Amino acid sequence: MPFKRYVEVGRVALVNYGNEYGKLVVIVDVIDQNRRLSLTDITIDIKRAPKKKTLIAAMEAGDVKNKWENSSWGRKLIVQKRRAALNDFDRFKLMLAKIKRGGLIRQELAKLKKQNGS
């Protein structure tokens, strides 16, 4: 599979360093080869150095936010943020739910084994 995520005008990227860490951005102009971005597969059709109003309209027309939230990368980041926001009691409730789920799975598996065996 060839490399397809080139640094180009209109490429949506995720900032991975600095004050804007974790935010989605759109490349509007290429200055040099130095970058602190993680390129995504999402692109929008814009010209070089557009006005803010034009860029926002293009992002809304391209449905960038929805595409990002439905991508596997975006979903993983949402889950990471949600888990980081859990307090001790929430983690405890999550642990109990996992134990309960495991018990139910074991019960169903035992029923299936019993049906198959006899």
PDB file of N, CA and C in Angstrom:
ATOM      1  N   MET A   1       0.846  -1.177   0.000  1.00  0.00           N
ATOM      2  CA  MET A   1       0.000   0.000   0.000  1.00  0.00           C
ATOM      3  C   MET A   1       0.888   1.235   0.000  1.00  0.00           C
ATOM      4  N   PRO A   2       0.797   2.052  -1.028  1.00  0.00           N
ATOM      5  CA  PRO A   2       1.662   3.231  -1.122  1.00  0.00           C
ATOM      6  C   PRO A   2       1.262   4.317  -0.136  1.00  0.00           C
ATOM      7  N   PHE A   3       2.217   5.171   0.142  1.00  0.00           N
ATOM      8  CA  PHE A   3       1.987   6.295   1.049  1.00  0.00           C
ATOM      9  C   PHE A   3       1.100   7.326   0.371  1.00  0.00           C
ATOM     10  N   LYS A   4       0.028   7.752   1.041  1.00  0.00           N
ATOM     11  CA  LYS A   4      -0.913   8.683   0.430  1.00  0.00           C
ATOM     12  C   LYS A   4      -1.125   9.955   1.237  1.00  0.00           C
ATOM     13  N   ARG A   5      -0.547  10.055   2.410  1.00  0.00           N
ATOM     14  CA  ARG A   5      -0.778  11.224   3.257  1.00  0.00           C
ATOM     15  C   ARG A   5       0.324  12.258   3.043  1.00  0.00           C
ATOM     16  N   TYR A   6       0.205  13.016   1.986  1.00  0.00           N
ATOM     17  CA  TYR A   6       1.199  14.035   1.676  1.00  0.00           C
ATOM     18  C   TYR A   6       0.847  15.349   2.356  1.00  0.00           C
ATOM     19  N   VAL A   7       1.878  16.138   2.656  1.00  0.00           N
ATOM     20  CA  VAL A   7       1.660  17.482   3.189  1.00  0.00           C
ATOM     21  C   VAL A   7       1.212  18.334   2.014  1.00  0.00           C
ATOM     22  N   GLU A   8      -0.043  18.751   2.037  1.00  0.00           N
ATOM     23  CA  GLU A   8      -0.613  19.525   0.943  1.00  0.00           C
ATOM     24  C   GLU A   8      -1.663  20.475   1.490  1.00  0.00           C
ATOM     25  N   VAL A   9      -1.930  21.523   0.749  1.00  0.00           N
ATOM     26  CA  VAL A   9      -2.953  22.485   1.144  1.00  0.00           C
ATOM     27  C   VAL A   9      -4.301  21.775   1.142  1.00  0.00           C
ATOM     28  N   GLY A  10      -5.028  21.916   2.254  1.00  0.00           N
ATOM     29  CA  GLY A  10      -6.326  21.270   2.384  1.00  0.00           C
ATOM     30  C   GLY A  10      -6.289  19.983   3.179  1.00  0.00           C
ATOM     31  N   ARG A  11      -5.106  19.502   3.537  1.00  0.00           N
ATOM     32  CA  ARG A  11      -4.989  18.271   4.324  1.00  0.00           C
ATOM     33  C   ARG A  11      -5.355  18.561   5.773  1.00  0.00           C
ATOM     34  N   VAL A  12      -6.226  17.755   6.346  1.00  0.00           N
ATOM     35  CA  VAL A  12      -6.581  17.881   7.757  1.00  0.00           C
ATOM     36  C   VAL A  12      -5.534  17.120   8.555  1.00  0.00           C
ATOM     37  N   ALA A  13      -5.053  17.731   9.642  1.00  0.00           N
ATOM     38  CA  ALA A  13      -4.003  17.117  10.453  1.00  0.00           C
ATOM     39  C   ALA A  13      -4.340  17.272  11.928  1.00  0.00           C
ATOM     40  N   LEU A  14      -3.690  16.469  12.745  1.00  0.00           N
ATOM     41  CA  LEU A  14      -3.840  16.524  14.192  1.00  0.00           C
ATOM     42  C   LEU A  14      -2.544  17.068  14.765  1.00  0.00           C
ATOM     43  N   VAL A  15      -2.628  18.103  15.585  1.00  0.00           N
ATOM     44  CA  VAL A  15      -1.434  18.710  16.176  1.00  0.00           C
ATOM     45  C   VAL A  15      -0.950  17.796  17.297  1.00  0.00           C
ATOM     46  N   ASN A  16       0.341  17.455  17.283  1.00  0.00           N
ATOM     47  CA  ASN A  16       0.861  16.556  18.303  1.00  0.00           C
ATOM     48  C   ASN A  16       1.940  17.190  19.180  1.00  0.00           C
ATOM     49  N   TYR A  17       1.965  18.532  19.228  1.00  0.00           N
ATOM     50  CA  TYR A  17       2.944  19.201  20.078  1.00  0.00           C
ATOM     51  C   TYR A  17       2.510  20.645  20.288  1.00  0.00           C
ATOM     52  N   GLY A  18       2.763  21.184  21.482  1.00  0.00           N
ATOM     53  CA  GLY A  18       2.547  22.609  21.729  1.00  0.00           C
ATOM     54  C   GLY A  18       1.202  22.950  22.329  1.00  0.00           C
ATOM     55  N   ASN A  19       0.866  24.232  22.264  1.00  0.00           N
ATOM     56  CA  ASN A  19      -0.362  24.728  22.883  1.00  0.00           C
ATOM     57  C   ASN A  19      -1.619  24.171  22.230  1.00  0.00           C
ATOM     58  N   GLU A  20      -1.558  23.876  20.962  1.00  0.00           N
ATOM     59  CA  GLU A  20      -2.726  23.384  20.220  1.00  0.00           C
ATOM     60  C   GLU A  20      -2.782  21.855  20.188  1.00  0.00           C
ATOM     61  N   TYR A  21      -2.060  21.185  21.084  1.00  0.00           N
ATOM     62  CA  TYR A  21      -1.969  19.722  21.107  1.00  0.00           C
ATOM     63  C   TYR A  21      -3.361  19.083  21.111  1.00  0.00           C
ATOM     64  N   GLY A  22      -3.553  18.108  20.228  1.00  0.00           N
ATOM     65  CA  GLY A  22      -4.798  17.356  20.187  1.00  0.00           C
ATOM     66  C   GLY A  22      -5.903  17.987  19.361  1.00  0.00           C
ATOM     67  N   LYS A  23      -5.644  19.127  18.730  1.00  0.00           N
ATOM     68  CA  LYS A  23      -6.678  19.797  17.941  1.00  0.00           C
ATOM     69  C   LYS A  23      -6.524  19.450  16.461  1.00  0.00           C
ATOM     70  N   LEU A  24      -7.656  19.426  15.772  1.00  0.00           N
ATOM     71  CA  LEU A  24      -7.641  19.229  14.326  1.00  0.00           C
ATOM     72  C   LEU A  24      -7.364  20.558  13.648  1.00  0.00           C
ATOM     73  N   VAL A  25      -6.490  20.541  12.652  1.00  0.00           N
ATOM     74  CA  VAL A  25      -6.158  21.745  11.898  1.00  0.00           C
ATOM     75  C   VAL A  25      -6.179  21.410  10.409  1.00  0.00           C
ATOM     76  N   VAL A  26      -6.216  22.449   9.590  1.00  0.00           N
ATOM     77  CA  VAL A  26      -6.145  22.278   8.140  1.00  0.00           C
ATOM     78  C   VAL A  26      -4.906  23.002   7.650  1.00  0.00           C
ATOM     79  N   ILE A  27      -4.120  22.350   6.808  1.00  0.00           N
ATOM     80  CA  ILE A  27      -2.930  22.978   6.239  1.00  0.00           C
ATOM     81  C   ILE A  27      -3.394  23.963   5.170  1.00  0.00           C
ATOM     82  N   VAL A  28      -3.056  25.250   5.368  1.00  0.00           N
ATOM     83  CA  VAL A  28      -3.459  26.280   4.406  1.00  0.00           C
ATOM     84  C   VAL A  28      -2.275  26.807   3.616  1.00  0.00           C
ATOM     85  N   ASP A  29      -1.047  26.576   4.102  1.00  0.00           N
ATOM     86  CA  ASP A  29       0.143  27.032   3.395  1.00  0.00           C
ATOM     87  C   ASP A  29       1.323  26.192   3.876  1.00  0.00           C
ATOM     88  N   VAL A  30       2.222  25.840   2.985  1.00  0.00           N
ATOM     89  CA  VAL A  30       3.403  25.053   3.338  1.00  0.00           C
ATOM     90  C   VAL A  30       4.597  25.993   3.327  1.00  0.00           C
ATOM     91  N   ILE A  31       5.252  26.119   4.492  1.00  0.00           N
ATOM     92  CA  ILE A  31       6.378  27.044   4.623  1.00  0.00           C
ATOM     93  C   ILE A  31       7.706  26.301   4.527  1.00  0.00           C
ATOM     94  N   ASP A  32       7.860  25.243   5.317  1.00  0.00           N
ATOM     95  CA  ASP A  32       9.090  24.456   5.289  1.00  0.00           C
ATOM     96  C   ASP A  32       8.763  23.000   5.604  1.00  0.00           C
ATOM     97  N   GLN A  33       9.794  22.168   5.679  1.00  0.00           N
ATOM     98  CA  GLN A  33       9.589  20.744   5.892  1.00  0.00           C
ATOM     99  C   GLN A  33       9.379  20.381   7.358  1.00  0.00           C
ATOM    100  N   ASN A  34       9.613  21.313   8.271  1.00  0.00           N
ATOM    101  CA  ASN A  34       9.449  21.019   9.687  1.00  0.00           C
ATOM    102  C   ASN A  34       7.969  20.952  10.033  1.00  0.00           C
ATOM    103  N   ARG A  35       7.598  19.946  10.816  1.00  0.00           N
ATOM    104  CA  ARG A  35       6.190  19.821  11.163  1.00  0.00           C
ATOM    105  C   ARG A  35       6.018  19.153  12.519  1.00  0.00           C
ATOM    106  N   ARG A  36       4.942  19.510  13.150  1.00  0.00           N
ATOM    107  CA  ARG A  36       4.526  18.886  14.399  1.00  0.00           C
ATOM    108  C   ARG A  36       3.091  18.416  14.235  1.00  0.00           C
ATOM    109  N   LEU A  37       2.832  17.780  13.098  1.00  0.00           N
ATOM    110  CA  LEU A  37       1.482  17.370  12.759  1.00  0.00           C
ATOM    111  C   LEU A  37       1.439  15.882  12.457  1.00  0.00           C
ATOM    112  N   SER A  38       0.298  15.272  12.748  1.00  0.00           N
ATOM    113  CA  SER A  38       0.022  13.915  12.305  1.00  0.00           C
ATOM    114  C   SER A  38      -1.017  14.028  11.203  1.00  0.00           C
ATOM    115  N   LEU A  39      -0.638  13.679   9.995  1.00  0.00           N
ATOM    116  CA  LEU A  39      -1.527  13.844   8.846  1.00  0.00           C
ATOM    117  C   LEU A  39      -2.635  12.799   8.866  1.00  0.00           C
ATOM    118  N   THR A  40      -3.844  13.207   8.508  1.00  0.00           N
ATOM    119  CA  THR A  40      -4.978  12.292   8.428  1.00  0.00           C
ATOM    120  C   THR A  40      -5.302  12.013   6.965  1.00  0.00           C
ATOM    121  N   ASP A  41      -6.246  11.130   6.730  1.00  0.00           N
ATOM    122  CA  ASP A  41      -6.681  10.819   5.371  1.00  0.00           C
ATOM    123  C   ASP A  41      -7.707  11.826   4.859  1.00  0.00           C
ATOM    124  N   ILE A  42      -8.162  12.719   5.712  1.00  0.00           N
ATOM    125  CA  ILE A  42      -9.214  13.667   5.348  1.00  0.00           C
ATOM    126  C   ILE A  42      -8.602  14.883   4.653  1.00  0.00           C
ATOM    127  N   THR A  43      -9.180  15.262   3.520  1.00  0.00           N
ATOM    128  CA  THR A  43      -8.753  16.479   2.825  1.00  0.00           C
ATOM    129  C   THR A  43      -9.989  17.283   2.440  1.00  0.00           C
ATOM    130  N   ILE A  44      -9.795  18.601   2.302  1.00  0.00           N
ATOM    131  CA  ILE A  44     -10.862  19.463   1.800  1.00  0.00           C
ATOM    132  C   ILE A  44     -10.307  20.259   0.631  1.00  0.00           C
ATOM    133  N   ASP A  45     -11.169  20.672  -0.253  1.00  0.00           N
ATOM    134  CA  ASP A  45     -10.749  21.372  -1.466  1.00  0.00           C
ATOM    135  C   ASP A  45     -10.734  22.874  -1.202  1.00  0.00           C
ATOM    136  N   ILE A  46      -9.539  23.430  -0.953  1.00  0.00           N
ATOM    137  CA  ILE A  46      -9.383  24.870  -0.729  1.00  0.00           C
ATOM    138  C   ILE A  46      -8.175  25.366  -1.505  1.00  0.00           C
ATOM    139  N   LYS A  47      -8.130  26.669  -1.718  1.00  0.00           N
ATOM    140  CA  LYS A  47      -6.960  27.277  -2.344  1.00  0.00           C
ATOM    141  C   LYS A  47      -5.959  27.646  -1.259  1.00  0.00           C
ATOM    142  N   ARG A  48      -4.764  28.025  -1.673  1.00  0.00           N
ATOM    143  CA  ARG A  48      -3.695  28.370  -0.749  1.00  0.00           C
ATOM    144  C   ARG A  48      -4.029  29.647   0.012  1.00  0.00           C
ATOM    145  N   ALA A  49      -3.815  29.654   1.332  1.00  0.00           N
ATOM    146  CA  ALA A  49      -4.021  30.787   2.234  1.00  0.00           C
ATOM    147  C   ALA A  49      -5.422  31.400   2.115  1.00  0.00           C
ATOM    148  N   PRO A  50      -6.469  30.603   2.393  1.00  0.00           N
ATOM    149  CA  PRO A  50      -7.826  31.154   2.301  1.00  0.00           C
ATOM    150  C   PRO A  50      -8.166  32.008   3.518  1.00  0.00           C
ATOM    151  N   LYS A  51      -9.230  32.784   3.396  1.00  0.00           N
ATOM    152  CA  LYS A  51      -9.719  33.557   4.532  1.00  0.00           C
ATOM    153  C   LYS A  51     -10.386  32.604   5.512  1.00  0.00           C
ATOM    154  N   LYS A  52     -10.475  33.043   6.764  1.00  0.00           N
ATOM    155  CA  LYS A  52     -11.032  32.195   7.811  1.00  0.00           C
ATOM    156  C   LYS A  52     -12.468  31.774   7.489  1.00  0.00           C
ATOM    157  N   LYS A  53     -13.250  32.703   6.985  1.00  0.00           N
ATOM    158  CA  LYS A  53     -14.649  32.439   6.652  1.00  0.00           C
ATOM    159  C   LYS A  53     -14.755  31.362   5.572  1.00  0.00           C
ATOM    160  N   THR A  54     -13.901  31.449   4.565  1.00  0.00           N
ATOM    161  CA  THR A  54     -13.890  30.474   3.473  1.00  0.00           C
ATOM    162  C   THR A  54     -13.472  29.098   3.982  1.00  0.00           C
ATOM    163  N   LEU A  55     -12.474  29.081   4.853  1.00  0.00           N
ATOM    164  CA  LEU A  55     -11.983  27.824   5.411  1.00  0.00           C
ATOM    165  C   LEU A  55     -13.057  27.141   6.247  1.00  0.00           C
ATOM    166  N   ILE A  56     -13.737  27.913   7.090  1.00  0.00           N
ATOM    167  CA  ILE A  56     -14.793  27.343   7.932  1.00  0.00           C
ATOM    168  C   ILE A  56     -15.920  26.788   7.065  1.00  0.00           C
ATOM    169  N   ALA A  57     -16.291  27.521   6.022  1.00  0.00           N
ATOM    170  CA  ALA A  57     -17.343  27.047   5.114  1.00  0.00           C
ATOM    171  C   ALA A  57     -16.924  25.757   4.412  1.00  0.00           C
ATOM    172  N   ALA A  58     -15.665  25.676   3.996  1.00  0.00           N
ATOM    173  CA  ALA A  58     -15.166  24.469   3.324  1.00  0.00           C
ATOM    174  C   ALA A  58     -15.131  23.285   4.282  1.00  0.00           C
ATOM    175  N   MET A  59     -14.767  23.544   5.541  1.00  0.00           N
ATOM    176  CA  MET A  59     -14.745  22.465   6.533  1.00  0.00           C
ATOM    177  C   MET A  59     -16.156  21.950   6.800  1.00  0.00           C
ATOM    178  N   GLU A  60     -17.121  22.859   6.887  1.00  0.00           N
ATOM    179  CA  GLU A  60     -18.503  22.435   7.114  1.00  0.00           C
ATOM    180  C   GLU A  60     -19.057  21.703   5.895  1.00  0.00           C
ATOM    181  N   ALA A  61     -18.713  22.175   4.702  1.00  0.00           N
ATOM    182  CA  ALA A  61     -19.178  21.522   3.476  1.00  0.00           C
ATOM    183  C   ALA A  61     -18.563  20.130   3.334  1.00  0.00           C
ATOM    184  N   GLY A  62     -17.314  19.978   3.762  1.00  0.00           N
ATOM    185  CA  GLY A  62     -16.632  18.692   3.689  1.00  0.00           C
ATOM    186  C   GLY A  62     -16.973  17.767   4.836  1.00  0.00           C
ATOM    187  N   ASP A  63     -17.760  18.248   5.807  1.00  0.00           N
ATOM    188  CA  ASP A  63     -18.188  17.457   6.968  1.00  0.00           C
ATOM    189  C   ASP A  63     -16.985  16.850   7.706  1.00  0.00           C
ATOM    190  N   VAL A  64     -15.962  17.667   7.908  1.00  0.00           N
ATOM    191  CA  VAL A  64     -14.701  17.207   8.493  1.00  0.00           C
ATOM    192  C   VAL A  64     -14.891  16.673   9.909  1.00  0.00           C
ATOM    193  N   LYS A  65     -15.628  17.403  10.733  1.00  0.00           N
ATOM    194  CA  LYS A  65     -15.796  16.990  12.134  1.00  0.00           C
ATOM    195  C   LYS A  65     -16.469  15.623  12.223  1.00  0.00           C
ATOM    196  N   ASN A  66     -17.508  15.417  11.428  1.00  0.00           N
ATOM    197  CA  ASN A  66     -18.215  14.142  11.441  1.00  0.00           C
ATOM    198  C   ASN A  66     -17.327  13.010  10.922  1.00  0.00           C
ATOM    199  N   LYS A  67     -16.566  13.278   9.857  1.00  0.00           N
ATOM    200  CA  LYS A  67     -15.649  12.266   9.320  1.00  0.00           C
ATOM    201  C   LYS A  67     -14.606  11.879  10.364  1.00  0.00           C
ATOM    202  N   TRP A  68     -14.085  12.883  11.089  1.00  0.00           N
ATOM    203  CA  TRP A  68     -13.074  12.619  12.106  1.00  0.00           C
ATOM    204  C   TRP A  68     -13.651  11.791  13.245  1.00  0.00           C
ATOM    205  N   GLU A  69     -14.844  12.164  13.718  1.00  0.00           N
ATOM    206  CA  GLU A  69     -15.449  11.447  14.836  1.00  0.00           C
ATOM    207  C   GLU A  69     -15.835  10.024  14.466  1.00  0.00           C
ATOM    208  N   ASN A  70     -16.075   9.754  13.190  1.00  0.00           N
ATOM    209  CA  ASN A  70     -16.427   8.409  12.754  1.00  0.00           C
ATOM    210  C   ASN A  70     -15.223   7.578  12.329  1.00  0.00           C
ATOM    211  N   SER A  71     -14.044   8.190  12.240  1.00  0.00           N
ATOM    212  CA  SER A  71     -12.845   7.426  11.888  1.00  0.00           C
ATOM    213  C   SER A  71     -12.363   6.657  13.117  1.00  0.00           C
ATOM    214  N   SER A  72     -11.640   5.578  12.896  1.00  0.00           N
ATOM    215  CA  SER A  72     -11.164   4.771  14.024  1.00  0.00           C
ATOM    216  C   SER A  72     -10.197   5.569  14.892  1.00  0.00           C
ATOM    217  N   TRP A  73      -9.367   6.401  14.278  1.00  0.00           N
ATOM    218  CA  TRP A  73      -8.412   7.236  15.013  1.00  0.00           C
ATOM    219  C   TRP A  73      -9.154   8.223  15.915  1.00  0.00           C
ATOM    220  N   GLY A  74     -10.165   8.869  15.363  1.00  0.00           N
ATOM    221  CA  GLY A  74     -10.949   9.832  16.139  1.00  0.00           C
ATOM    222  C   GLY A  74     -11.693   9.173  17.284  1.00  0.00           C
ATOM    223  N   ARG A  75     -12.266   7.996  17.027  1.00  0.00           N
ATOM    224  CA  ARG A  75     -12.992   7.283  18.089  1.00  0.00           C
ATOM    225  C   ARG A  75     -12.047   6.878  19.212  1.00  0.00           C
ATOM    226  N   LYS A  76     -10.829   6.443  18.855  1.00  0.00           N
ATOM    227  CA  LYS A  76      -9.855   6.066  19.885  1.00  0.00           C
ATOM    228  C   LYS A  76      -9.498   7.254  20.769  1.00  0.00           C
ATOM    229  N   LEU A  77      -9.308   8.436  20.161  1.00  0.00           N
ATOM    230  CA  LEU A  77      -8.979   9.627  20.949  1.00  0.00           C
ATOM    231  C   LEU A  77     -10.132  10.039  21.850  1.00  0.00           C
ATOM    232  N   ILE A  78     -11.375   9.894  21.366  1.00  0.00           N
ATOM    233  CA  ILE A  78     -12.543  10.211  22.187  1.00  0.00           C
ATOM    234  C   ILE A  78     -12.601   9.285  23.394  1.00  0.00           C
ATOM    235  N   VAL A  79     -12.351   7.994  23.171  1.00  0.00           N
ATOM    236  CA  VAL A  79     -12.363   7.026  24.274  1.00  0.00           C
ATOM    237  C   VAL A  79     -11.251   7.338  25.268  1.00  0.00           C
ATOM    238  N   GLN A  80     -10.054   7.697  24.764  1.00  0.00           N
ATOM    239  CA  GLN A  80      -8.944   8.042  25.661  1.00  0.00           C
ATOM    240  C   GLN A  80      -9.297   9.227  26.543  1.00  0.00           C
ATOM    241  N   LYS A  81      -9.901  10.260  25.958  1.00  0.00           N
ATOM    242  CA  LYS A  81     -10.278  11.442  26.735  1.00  0.00           C
ATOM    243  C   LYS A  81     -11.347  11.102  27.760  1.00  0.00           C
ATOM    244  N   ARG A  82     -12.305  10.272  27.363  1.00  0.00           N
ATOM    245  CA  ARG A  82     -13.372   9.883  28.282  1.00  0.00           C
ATOM    246  C   ARG A  82     -12.802   9.086  29.458  1.00  0.00           C
ATOM    247  N   ARG A  83     -11.880   8.172  29.168  1.00  0.00           N
ATOM    248  CA  ARG A  83     -11.288   7.373  30.247  1.00  0.00           C
ATOM    249  C   ARG A  83     -10.414   8.215  31.163  1.00  0.00           C
ATOM    250  N   ALA A  84      -9.704   9.190  30.595  1.00  0.00           N
ATOM    251  CA  ALA A  84      -8.854  10.060  31.406  1.00  0.00           C
ATOM    252  C   ALA A  84      -9.687  10.918  32.348  1.00  0.00           C
ATOM    253  N   ALA A  85     -10.941  11.184  31.974  1.00  0.00           N
ATOM    254  CA  ALA A  85     -11.808  12.029  32.791  1.00  0.00           C
ATOM    255  C   ALA A  85     -12.515  11.252  33.901  1.00  0.00           C
ATOM    256  N   LEU A  86     -12.380   9.929  33.926  1.00  0.00           N
ATOM    257  CA  LEU A  86     -13.044   9.135  34.961  1.00  0.00           C
ATOM    258  C   LEU A  86     -12.426   9.402  36.326  1.00  0.00           C
ATOM    259  N   ASN A  87     -13.277   9.443  37.346  1.00  0.00           N
ATOM    260  CA  ASN A  87     -12.753   9.544  38.705  1.00  0.00           C
ATOM    261  C   ASN A  87     -12.667   8.138  39.300  1.00  0.00           C
ATOM    262  N   ASP A  88     -12.259   8.035  40.548  1.00  0.00           N
ATOM    263  CA  ASP A  88     -12.030   6.742  41.176  1.00  0.00           C
ATOM    264  C   ASP A  88     -13.313   5.916  41.243  1.00  0.00           C
ATOM    265  N   PHE A  89     -14.418   6.550  41.588  1.00  0.00           N
ATOM    266  CA  PHE A  89     -15.684   5.827  41.709  1.00  0.00           C
ATOM    267  C   PHE A  89     -16.163   5.326  40.345  1.00  0.00           C
ATOM    268  N   ASP A  90     -15.957   6.121  39.303  1.00  0.00           N
ATOM    269  CA  ASP A  90     -16.332   5.692  37.951  1.00  0.00           C
ATOM    270  C   ASP A  90     -15.511   4.480  37.519  1.00  0.00           C
ATOM    271  N   ARG A  91     -14.210   4.491  37.831  1.00  0.00           N
ATOM    272  CA  ARG A  91     -13.365   3.334  37.500  1.00  0.00           C
ATOM    273  C   ARG A  91     -13.819   2.098  38.274  1.00  0.00           C
ATOM    274  N   PHE A  92     -14.246   2.284  39.524  1.00  0.00           N
ATOM    275  CA  PHE A  92     -14.751   1.183  40.339  1.00  0.00           C
ATOM    276  C   PHE A  92     -16.026   0.606  39.716  1.00  0.00           C
ATOM    277  N   LYS A  93     -16.949   1.479  39.302  1.00  0.00           N
ATOM    278  CA  LYS A  93     -18.192   1.018  38.674  1.00  0.00           C
ATOM    279  C   LYS A  93     -17.893   0.284  37.367  1.00  0.00           C
ATOM    280  N   LEU A  94     -16.914   0.768  36.621  1.00  0.00           N
ATOM    281  CA  LEU A  94     -16.514   0.119  35.381  1.00  0.00           C
ATOM    282  C   LEU A  94     -15.956  -1.277  35.653  1.00  0.00           C
ATOM    283  N   MET A  95     -15.152  -1.400  36.707  1.00  0.00           N
ATOM    284  CA  MET A  95     -14.594  -2.693  37.079  1.00  0.00           C
ATOM    285  C   MET A  95     -15.715  -3.673  37.426  1.00  0.00           C
ATOM    286  N   LEU A  96     -16.707  -3.215  38.210  1.00  0.00           N
ATOM    287  CA  LEU A  96     -17.821  -4.091  38.582  1.00  0.00           C
ATOM    288  C   LEU A  96     -18.629  -4.513  37.353  1.00  0.00           C
ATOM    289  N   ALA A  97     -18.823  -3.593  36.421  1.00  0.00           N
ATOM    290  CA  ALA A  97     -19.567  -3.920  35.201  1.00  0.00           C
ATOM    291  C   ALA A  97     -18.823  -4.966  34.377  1.00  0.00           C
ATOM    292  N   LYS A  98     -17.490  -4.855  34.308  1.00  0.00           N
ATOM    293  CA  LYS A  98     -16.702  -5.837  33.562  1.00  0.00           C
ATOM    294  C   LYS A  98     -16.776  -7.209  34.222  1.00  0.00           C
ATOM    295  N   ILE A  99     -16.736  -7.240  35.553  1.00  0.00           N
ATOM    296  CA  ILE A  99     -16.842  -8.507  36.279  1.00  0.00           C
ATOM    297  C   ILE A  99     -18.206  -9.139  36.022  1.00  0.00           C
ATOM    298  N   LYS A 100     -19.255  -8.328  36.083  1.00  0.00           N
ATOM    299  CA  LYS A 100     -20.614  -8.815  35.850  1.00  0.00           C
ATOM    300  C   LYS A 100     -20.757  -9.349  34.422  1.00  0.00           C
ATOM    301  N   ARG A 101     -20.214  -8.612  33.445  1.00  0.00           N
ATOM    302  CA  ARG A 101     -20.278  -9.042  32.054  1.00  0.00           C
ATOM    303  C   ARG A 101     -19.552 -10.374  31.864  1.00  0.00           C
ATOM    304  N   GLY A 102     -18.380 -10.509  32.491  1.00  0.00           N
ATOM    305  CA  GLY A 102     -17.627 -11.753  32.384  1.00  0.00           C
ATOM    306  C   GLY A 102     -18.394 -12.927  32.967  1.00  0.00           C
ATOM    307  N   GLY A 103     -19.086 -12.687  34.089  1.00  0.00           N
ATOM    308  CA  GLY A 103     -19.894 -13.743  34.704  1.00  0.00           C
ATOM    309  C   GLY A 103     -21.029 -14.184  33.797  1.00  0.00           C
ATOM    310  N   LEU A 104     -21.703 -13.233  33.173  1.00  0.00           N
ATOM    311  CA  LEU A 104     -22.801 -13.565  32.258  1.00  0.00           C
ATOM    312  C   LEU A 104     -22.293 -14.345  31.049  1.00  0.00           C
ATOM    313  N   ILE A 105     -21.140 -13.959  30.542  1.00  0.00           N
ATOM    314  CA  ILE A 105     -20.558 -14.670  29.396  1.00  0.00           C
ATOM    315  C   ILE A 105     -20.215 -16.103  29.782  1.00  0.00           C
ATOM    316  N   ARG A 106     -19.634 -16.276  30.966  1.00  0.00           N
ATOM    317  CA  ARG A 106     -19.293 -17.630  31.429  1.00  0.00           C
ATOM    318  C   ARG A 106     -20.545 -18.488  31.600  1.00  0.00           C
ATOM    319  N   GLN A 107     -21.634 -17.897  32.121  1.00  0.00           N
ATOM    320  CA  GLN A 107     -22.881 -18.649  32.292  1.00  0.00           C
ATOM    321  C   GLN A 107     -23.440 -19.102  30.943  1.00  0.00           C
ATOM    322  N   GLU A 108     -23.459 -18.210  29.975  1.00  0.00           N
ATOM    323  CA  GLU A 108     -23.968 -18.558  28.648  1.00  0.00           C
ATOM    324  C   GLU A 108     -23.089 -19.617  27.987  1.00  0.00           C
ATOM    325  N   LEU A 109     -21.786 -19.492  28.161  1.00  0.00           N
ATOM    326  CA  LEU A 109     -20.865 -20.474  27.596  1.00  0.00           C
ATOM    327  C   LEU A 109     -21.090 -21.843  28.228  1.00  0.00           C
ATOM    328  N   ALA A 110     -21.316 -21.866  29.538  1.00  0.00           N
ATOM    329  CA  ALA A 110     -21.583 -23.131  30.227  1.00  0.00           C
ATOM    330  C   ALA A 110     -22.881 -23.758  29.712  1.00  0.00           C
ATOM    331  N   LYS A 111     -23.910 -22.936  29.467  1.00  0.00           N
ATOM    332  CA  LYS A 111     -25.173 -23.453  28.926  1.00  0.00           C
ATOM    333  C   LYS A 111     -24.952 -24.077  27.553  1.00  0.00           C
ATOM    334  N   LEU A 112     -24.187 -23.383  26.703  1.00  0.00           N
ATOM    335  CA  LEU A 112     -23.927 -23.899  25.357  1.00  0.00           C
ATOM    336  C   LEU A 112     -23.124 -25.197  25.397  1.00  0.00           C
ATOM    337  N   LYS A 113     -22.142 -25.263  26.295  1.00  0.00           N
ATOM    338  CA  LYS A 113     -21.348 -26.487  26.423  1.00  0.00           C
ATOM    339  C   LYS A 113     -22.224 -27.643  26.894  1.00  0.00           C
ATOM    340  N   LYS A 114     -23.141 -27.345  27.819  1.00  0.00           N
ATOM    341  CA  LYS A 114     -24.028 -28.381  28.348  1.00  0.00           C
ATOM    342  C   LYS A 114     -24.961 -28.889  27.248  1.00  0.00           C
ATOM    343  N   GLN A 115     -25.485 -27.974  26.414  1.00  0.00           N
ATOM    344  CA  GLN A 115     -26.360 -28.375  25.311  1.00  0.00           C
ATOM    345  C   GLN A 115     -25.600 -29.200  24.275  1.00  0.00           C
ATOM    346  N   ASN A 116     -24.385 -28.816  23.982  1.00  0.00           N
ATOM    347  CA  ASN A 116     -23.572 -29.522  22.995  1.00  0.00           C
ATOM    348  C   ASN A 116     -23.138 -30.889  23.493  1.00  0.00           C
ATOM    349  N   GLY A 117     -22.830 -30.965  24.771  1.00  0.00           N
ATOM    350  CA  GLY A 117     -22.313 -32.205  25.342  1.00  0.00           C
ATOM    351  C   GLY A 117     -23.364 -33.286  25.467  1.00  0.00           C
ATOM    352  N   SER A 118     -24.628 -32.923  25.687  1.00  0.00           N
ATOM    353  CA  SER A 118     -25.649 -33.958  25.899  1.00  0.00           C
ATOM    354  C   SER A 118     -26.491 -34.258  24.702  1.00  0.00           C
TER     355      SER A 118
END
